[in-house]
Protein backbone atom coordinates (compact mmCIF):
# COMPACT_ATOMS: atom_id res chain seq x y z
CA MET A 1 25.83 -17.57 35.11
CA ASN A 2 22.19 -17.09 35.99
CA ARG A 3 20.46 -13.84 35.25
CA ASN A 4 20.79 -12.89 39.25
CA SER A 5 24.52 -13.26 38.83
CA TRP A 6 24.60 -11.31 35.62
CA ARG A 7 22.49 -8.42 36.98
CA LEU A 8 24.58 -8.25 40.15
CA ALA A 9 27.76 -8.22 38.05
CA ARG A 10 26.55 -5.28 35.96
CA LEU A 11 25.42 -3.32 38.93
CA VAL A 12 28.87 -3.66 40.56
CA VAL A 13 30.67 -2.44 37.01
CA GLY A 14 28.19 0.33 36.78
CA ALA A 15 28.88 1.67 40.04
CA ALA A 16 32.35 1.38 39.89
CA ALA A 17 32.39 3.47 36.74
CA LEU A 18 30.17 6.02 38.29
CA GLY A 19 31.91 6.53 41.54
CA VAL A 20 35.48 6.61 39.84
CA THR A 21 34.04 9.05 37.05
CA GLY A 22 32.44 11.27 39.80
CA TRP A 23 35.56 11.03 41.88
CA SER A 24 37.70 12.37 39.23
CA LEU A 25 35.08 15.16 38.43
CA TYR A 26 34.87 16.11 41.80
CA VAL A 27 39.00 16.58 42.24
CA VAL A 28 39.13 18.38 38.86
CA GLY A 29 36.32 20.58 40.31
CA ARG A 30 38.17 20.94 43.68
CA HIS A 31 41.58 21.58 41.91
CA TYR A 32 39.60 24.78 39.62
CA GLY A 33 38.44 26.15 43.04
CA ALA A 34 34.86 24.92 42.97
CA PRO A 35 33.24 24.97 45.94
CA VAL A 36 32.53 21.51 47.27
CA LEU A 37 28.49 21.69 46.72
CA VAL A 38 29.29 23.29 42.92
CA ALA A 39 31.79 20.16 42.33
CA ALA A 40 29.01 17.66 43.99
CA ALA A 41 26.42 19.09 41.50
CA GLY A 42 28.71 18.36 38.62
CA VAL A 43 29.08 14.77 39.65
CA ALA A 44 25.42 14.37 39.98
CA VAL A 45 24.90 15.68 36.72
CA PHE A 46 27.50 13.77 35.21
CA ASP A 47 26.69 10.35 36.53
CA GLY A 48 23.04 11.12 36.26
CA ALA A 49 23.11 11.87 32.40
CA ALA A 50 25.45 8.81 31.78
CA TYR A 51 23.08 6.79 33.72
CA ALA A 52 20.26 8.19 31.44
CA CYS A 53 21.95 7.39 28.07
CA GLN A 54 22.84 3.77 29.43
CA TYR A 55 19.02 3.18 30.17
CA LEU A 56 17.74 4.85 26.96
CA ALA A 57 20.01 2.86 24.94
CA SER A 58 18.90 0.15 26.24
CA GLU A 59 14.94 0.65 26.25
CA ALA A 60 15.31 1.38 22.35
CA SER A 61 17.45 -1.77 21.99
CA ALA A 62 14.77 -3.86 23.78
CA ALA A 63 12.01 -2.30 21.39
CA GLY A 64 13.57 -2.82 18.45
CA ARG A 65 14.55 0.75 17.49
CA SER A 66 17.46 2.62 16.13
CA ALA A 67 19.56 3.36 19.48
CA VAL A 68 22.22 5.46 17.37
CA GLY A 69 21.37 8.69 19.28
CA ALA A 70 21.45 7.34 22.87
CA ARG A 71 24.79 5.20 22.14
CA LEU A 72 26.38 7.94 20.62
CA ALA A 73 25.54 10.41 23.41
CA SER A 74 26.49 7.50 25.99
CA LEU A 75 29.93 7.27 23.74
CA ALA A 76 30.40 11.03 24.15
CA MET A 77 29.94 10.77 28.04
CA LEU A 78 32.70 7.46 27.84
CA ILE A 79 35.35 10.08 26.39
CA MET A 80 34.52 12.81 28.92
CA SER A 81 35.02 10.35 31.75
CA ILE A 82 38.29 9.10 30.09
CA TYR A 83 39.41 12.68 29.80
CA LEU A 84 38.71 13.36 33.48
CA ASN A 85 40.58 10.15 34.52
CA ILE A 86 43.59 10.96 32.51
CA PHE A 87 43.55 14.68 33.97
CA HIS A 88 43.03 13.31 37.41
CA ALA A 89 45.96 10.83 36.76
CA THR A 90 48.00 13.41 36.02
CA LEU A 91 47.18 15.83 38.67
CA ILE A 92 48.53 13.29 41.04
CA HIS A 93 51.48 12.38 39.08
CA GLY A 94 50.11 8.83 38.85
CA GLY A 95 50.92 8.45 34.99
CA VAL A 96 49.78 5.86 32.53
CA PRO A 97 48.96 3.18 35.10
CA ALA A 98 46.72 5.56 37.20
CA ALA A 99 45.03 6.63 34.20
CA ILE A 100 44.29 3.08 32.75
CA LEU A 101 43.22 2.30 36.72
CA PHE A 102 40.73 5.25 36.93
CA SER A 103 39.46 4.47 32.98
CA ALA A 104 39.03 0.73 33.39
CA PRO A 105 35.53 1.12 35.23
CA SER A 106 33.91 3.24 32.60
CA LEU A 107 35.16 1.24 29.78
CA ALA A 108 34.12 -2.25 31.10
CA LEU A 109 30.32 -0.45 31.76
CA GLN A 110 30.59 0.61 27.94
CA ALA A 111 31.66 -2.83 26.51
CA ILE A 112 29.08 -4.72 28.94
CA SER A 113 26.39 -2.52 27.91
CA GLU A 114 26.97 -3.00 24.09
CA LEU A 115 27.51 -6.68 24.50
CA ALA A 116 23.98 -6.27 26.47
CA TRP A 117 22.03 -4.31 23.91
CA ALA A 118 22.78 -6.53 20.88
CA GLY A 119 20.58 -9.84 21.79
CA PRO A 120 17.39 -7.98 23.13
CA ARG A 121 17.64 -5.83 19.73
CA ALA A 122 18.00 -8.59 17.64
CA GLN A 123 15.16 -10.45 19.20
CA ALA A 124 12.87 -7.44 18.98
CA ARG A 125 13.70 -7.19 15.14
CA LYS A 126 13.34 -10.48 14.45
CA ALA A 127 9.70 -10.07 16.02
CA LEU A 128 9.29 -7.31 13.79
CA GLY A 129 9.95 -9.48 10.74
CA GLU A 130 13.74 -7.84 10.07
CA ARG A 131 16.57 -9.76 9.45
CA PRO A 132 19.43 -8.20 11.15
CA PHE A 133 23.24 -8.63 9.41
CA ARG A 134 25.48 -11.25 10.67
CA LEU A 135 29.09 -11.64 9.75
CA PRO A 136 29.38 -15.20 7.71
CA THR A 137 31.76 -17.43 9.61
CA LEU A 138 34.45 -17.92 7.49
CA GLY A 139 37.09 -19.31 10.32
CA GLY A 140 40.23 -17.60 11.44
CA TRP A 141 42.30 -20.02 8.53
CA ALA A 142 40.32 -18.00 6.20
CA TRP A 143 41.20 -14.76 7.12
CA LEU A 144 44.73 -15.22 7.73
CA LEU A 145 45.47 -17.37 4.07
CA ALA A 146 42.96 -14.96 2.08
CA PRO A 147 42.27 -11.80 3.76
CA LYS A 148 41.41 -9.93 1.00
CA THR A 149 39.13 -12.26 -0.64
CA ALA A 150 37.21 -12.96 2.68
CA GLY A 151 36.66 -9.51 2.96
CA GLY A 152 35.27 -8.86 -0.40
CA SER A 153 33.01 -11.79 0.39
CA VAL A 154 31.93 -10.25 3.53
CA ARG A 155 31.00 -7.09 1.64
CA LYS A 156 29.11 -8.42 -1.18
CA ARG A 157 26.88 -10.24 1.40
CA ALA A 158 26.48 -6.83 3.22
CA LEU A 159 25.35 -4.79 0.08
CA ALA A 160 23.34 -7.88 -0.56
CA HIS A 161 21.21 -7.64 3.08
CA ILE A 162 21.62 -4.00 2.33
CA SER A 163 19.32 -3.74 -1.08
CA ASN A 164 17.20 -6.71 0.49
CA ALA A 165 16.10 -4.81 3.29
CA GLU A 166 12.98 -3.77 2.16
CA ARG A 167 12.23 -7.16 0.69
CA PRO A 168 10.34 -8.97 3.51
CA ASP A 169 10.35 -13.24 3.13
CA GLU A 170 6.98 -13.48 3.93
CA GLU A 171 3.78 -11.90 2.47
CA GLU A 172 1.82 -9.82 4.92
CA PRO A 173 -1.30 -11.52 5.62
CA GLU A 174 -4.17 -10.96 2.99
CA LYS A 175 -6.56 -7.98 4.73
CA PRO A 176 -10.23 -9.74 4.53
CA ARG A 177 -12.11 -8.91 1.60
CA GLY A 178 -15.46 -7.52 1.68
CA ALA A 179 -18.57 -8.99 -0.18
CA ARG A 180 -18.00 -5.90 -2.67
CA ASP A 181 -14.71 -7.41 -3.44
CA VAL A 182 -15.93 -10.80 -3.97
CA LEU A 183 -18.79 -9.75 -6.53
CA ARG A 184 -16.33 -7.72 -8.21
CA GLU A 185 -14.38 -10.43 -8.80
CA GLN A 186 -17.24 -13.07 -9.85
CA PHE A 187 -18.50 -10.07 -12.36
CA ALA A 188 -15.05 -9.37 -13.86
CA SER A 189 -14.72 -13.18 -14.52
CA MET A 190 -18.00 -13.59 -15.98
CA ASP A 191 -19.33 -13.20 -19.27
CA PRO A 192 -20.26 -9.30 -19.81
CA ALA A 193 -23.67 -10.09 -21.38
CA ARG A 194 -24.44 -12.56 -18.88
CA ALA A 195 -23.37 -9.76 -16.17
CA VAL A 196 -25.74 -7.43 -17.73
CA ARG A 197 -28.67 -9.60 -18.11
CA ILE A 198 -28.06 -10.29 -14.15
CA VAL A 199 -28.21 -6.66 -13.35
CA ALA A 200 -30.93 -5.80 -15.63
CA ALA A 201 -33.05 -8.76 -13.84
CA SER A 202 -32.44 -7.52 -10.42
CA HIS A 203 -33.07 -3.77 -11.56
CA PRO A 204 -35.46 -3.54 -14.05
CA HIS A 205 -36.76 0.03 -13.36
CA LEU A 206 -33.02 1.06 -14.46
CA SER A 207 -32.19 2.88 -17.85
CA HIS A 208 -29.64 1.36 -19.67
CA ALA A 209 -27.02 4.28 -18.89
CA GLU A 210 -27.91 3.46 -15.30
CA LEU A 211 -27.12 -0.22 -15.47
CA ALA A 212 -23.91 0.77 -17.39
CA SER A 213 -23.19 2.68 -14.44
CA LEU A 214 -23.97 0.26 -11.84
CA LEU A 215 -22.19 -2.54 -13.96
CA ILE A 216 -18.85 -0.33 -13.98
CA GLU A 217 -19.05 -0.16 -10.18
CA HIS A 218 -18.99 -4.07 -10.50
CA GLY A 219 -16.08 -4.06 -12.60
CA VAL A 220 -17.71 -4.62 -15.65
CA VAL A 221 -16.79 -1.79 -18.08
CA VAL A 222 -19.52 -1.24 -20.38
CA ASP A 223 -21.70 1.34 -22.05
CA ALA A 224 -25.63 2.20 -22.31
CA VAL A 225 -24.93 0.85 -26.00
CA ASP A 226 -23.68 -2.81 -25.01
CA VAL A 227 -26.25 -2.95 -22.28
CA ALA A 228 -29.14 -2.64 -25.15
CA LEU A 229 -27.22 -4.91 -27.43
CA ALA A 230 -26.94 -7.50 -24.61
CA LEU A 231 -30.88 -7.35 -23.43
CA ASP A 232 -32.00 -7.01 -26.86
CA ALA A 233 -29.58 -9.37 -28.82
CA PRO A 234 -31.51 -10.65 -31.85
CA ARG A 235 -32.61 -14.46 -31.68
CA GLU A 236 -30.88 -17.38 -33.68
CA HIS A 237 -32.53 -17.63 -37.06
CA VAL A 238 -33.49 -21.44 -37.85
CA ARG A 239 -33.73 -21.97 -41.62
CA VAL A 240 -36.71 -24.55 -42.85
CA GLU A 241 -36.03 -26.33 -46.18
CA ARG A 242 -39.27 -26.84 -48.10
CA VAL A 243 -40.06 -29.26 -50.59
CA SER A 244 -40.15 -28.57 -54.35
CA ASP A 245 -44.22 -29.70 -54.79
CA PRO A 246 -46.08 -26.78 -52.88
CA HIS A 247 -49.04 -29.02 -53.12
CA HIS A 248 -47.18 -31.78 -50.88
CA ASP A 249 -48.32 -32.19 -47.57
CA ALA A 250 -50.14 -28.58 -47.94
CA HIS A 251 -52.78 -29.64 -45.24
CA HIS A 252 -49.79 -29.70 -42.57
CA ASP A 253 -48.39 -26.29 -43.34
CA ALA A 254 -48.96 -23.10 -41.33
CA PRO A 255 -50.64 -20.15 -43.12
CA GLN A 256 -48.06 -18.39 -44.78
CA VAL A 257 -47.15 -15.16 -43.18
CA GLY A 258 -45.85 -12.16 -45.03
CA GLU A 259 -42.50 -10.81 -44.53
CA LEU A 260 -41.90 -7.46 -42.28
CA PRO A 261 -41.06 -4.66 -44.72
CA PRO A 262 -37.15 -3.25 -44.48
CA VAL A 263 -36.50 -0.88 -41.53
CA ASN A 264 -35.32 2.44 -43.08
CA LYS A 265 -32.94 4.82 -41.58
CA ALA A 266 -35.60 7.10 -40.09
CA GLN A 267 -37.14 4.46 -38.48
CA ALA A 268 -33.93 2.34 -36.98
CA ILE A 269 -33.04 5.86 -35.46
CA VAL A 270 -36.33 6.34 -33.71
CA GLU A 271 -36.02 2.60 -32.56
CA ALA A 272 -32.51 2.75 -31.06
CA ALA A 273 -33.15 6.33 -29.46
CA SER A 274 -36.31 4.79 -27.54
CA ARG A 275 -34.33 1.94 -26.34
CA LEU A 276 -31.22 3.86 -25.13
CA GLY A 277 -33.20 6.67 -23.29
CA ASP A 278 -32.51 10.21 -23.05
CA ASP A 279 -29.19 10.05 -21.91
CA ALA A 280 -28.02 8.79 -25.02
CA THR A 281 -25.83 10.36 -27.50
CA ALA A 282 -25.85 10.88 -31.31
CA ALA A 283 -22.77 8.59 -31.46
CA ASP A 284 -24.44 5.76 -29.30
CA VAL A 285 -27.33 5.97 -31.67
CA VAL A 286 -25.46 5.68 -34.76
CA ARG A 287 -23.54 2.68 -32.96
CA MET A 288 -26.94 0.84 -32.08
CA VAL A 289 -28.23 1.13 -35.62
CA HIS A 290 -25.06 -0.17 -36.97
CA GLU A 291 -24.92 -2.93 -34.85
CA ARG A 292 -28.75 -4.13 -35.22
CA HIS A 293 -29.76 -3.38 -38.36
CA ARG A 294 -26.49 -2.68 -40.60
CA LEU A 295 -27.30 0.59 -41.48
CA LYS A 296 -24.56 3.67 -41.52
CA VAL A 297 -25.82 6.90 -40.24
CA ASP A 298 -24.22 9.88 -39.17
CA PRO A 299 -24.89 12.19 -35.83
CA PRO A 300 -25.92 15.05 -37.91
CA TYR A 301 -28.67 13.07 -39.38
CA VAL A 302 -29.57 11.45 -36.39
CA ARG A 303 -30.15 14.49 -34.51
CA THR A 304 -32.11 15.97 -37.29
CA VAL A 305 -34.44 12.76 -37.40
CA LEU A 306 -35.10 13.09 -33.66
CA SER A 307 -35.75 16.66 -33.88
CA ARG A 308 -37.98 15.82 -36.34
CA GLU A 309 -39.81 12.91 -34.65
CA SER A 310 -39.84 15.15 -31.58
CA LYS A 311 -41.56 18.09 -33.30
CA LYS A 312 -44.28 15.40 -33.93
CA LYS A 313 -45.04 14.15 -30.61
CA GLN A 314 -46.01 17.58 -29.75
CA PRO A 315 -49.70 18.35 -28.95
CA ALA A 316 -51.45 19.81 -32.03
CA ASP A 317 -53.16 22.30 -30.18
CA GLY A 318 -52.14 25.54 -32.21
CA GLY A 319 -50.37 26.81 -28.99
CA VAL A 320 -53.13 27.93 -26.70
CA GLY A 321 -51.91 28.83 -23.88
CA GLN A 322 -48.51 28.96 -24.93
CA GLY A 323 -48.47 32.45 -27.04
CA GLY A 324 -49.16 30.69 -30.19
CA GLY A 325 -52.14 32.88 -31.02
CA GLY A 326 -54.73 30.19 -30.00
CA TYR A 327 -56.97 32.76 -28.50
CA ALA A 328 -57.50 36.42 -29.62
């Protein structure tokens, strides 16, 4: 059967169902003394509502949406139609044959509509990536010989389908990544010290704290002390072995240079504070002093040293112009 024949058959069944239902409704209305126009209006409203329910269910199924509401409304119209057909058959004393004859067009229209809605809805759901549940093909002999086992198998498959309904088979296509996302991945997989040097070379005007903040934005979690240590890491020391005879090949030796005096705690604190900048805390200074010089200091001592150092840097003008009694 081609599509035109299918449409013609459905049109014939629909017209018959609407006509018989409308006739039954008109007869019932006239039976209760309704005027001709009122009875005709009742027919128009009932048939129009039934057609609207059928149309909405078809549209929802074709779009892959849930058609439960429209299908339930259509079923309610069918039940009312059958009731009117039975009542009409009772009025004319037609009995069961007349009731079946009057109800057959409505039942046929509902049956072919339900079957017609299934195909477009399954295609629409497949296009949306959904997997509708289908009954397994067990065969008639399986249901006949082991109905309980066959029913249990169908129930298990239905439960598995429900539990996996929210898990799509194929992963959604990845969204295009921007340049910042690519840079974050590269910096996150890079040696942190190298990342610090790269960012510092491209932003030489930034302080250690600002560099640390910029690195965190790119996925490298460091603080100002880490930046300072990465940029000011001590060079590798080379051990030179000299011969025991001081006069051997003396003219090739460079002039002896005395070693630098060891750095005390105060000098180490001042040096660390100058490297870290004004935003550094006393705890940051303590950490850097320990990392660079292996000296143990505490935050109160750091604050004392820095306070004393700041007083030394103040201009020694006796407070002239600042209320210090410079001028009488």
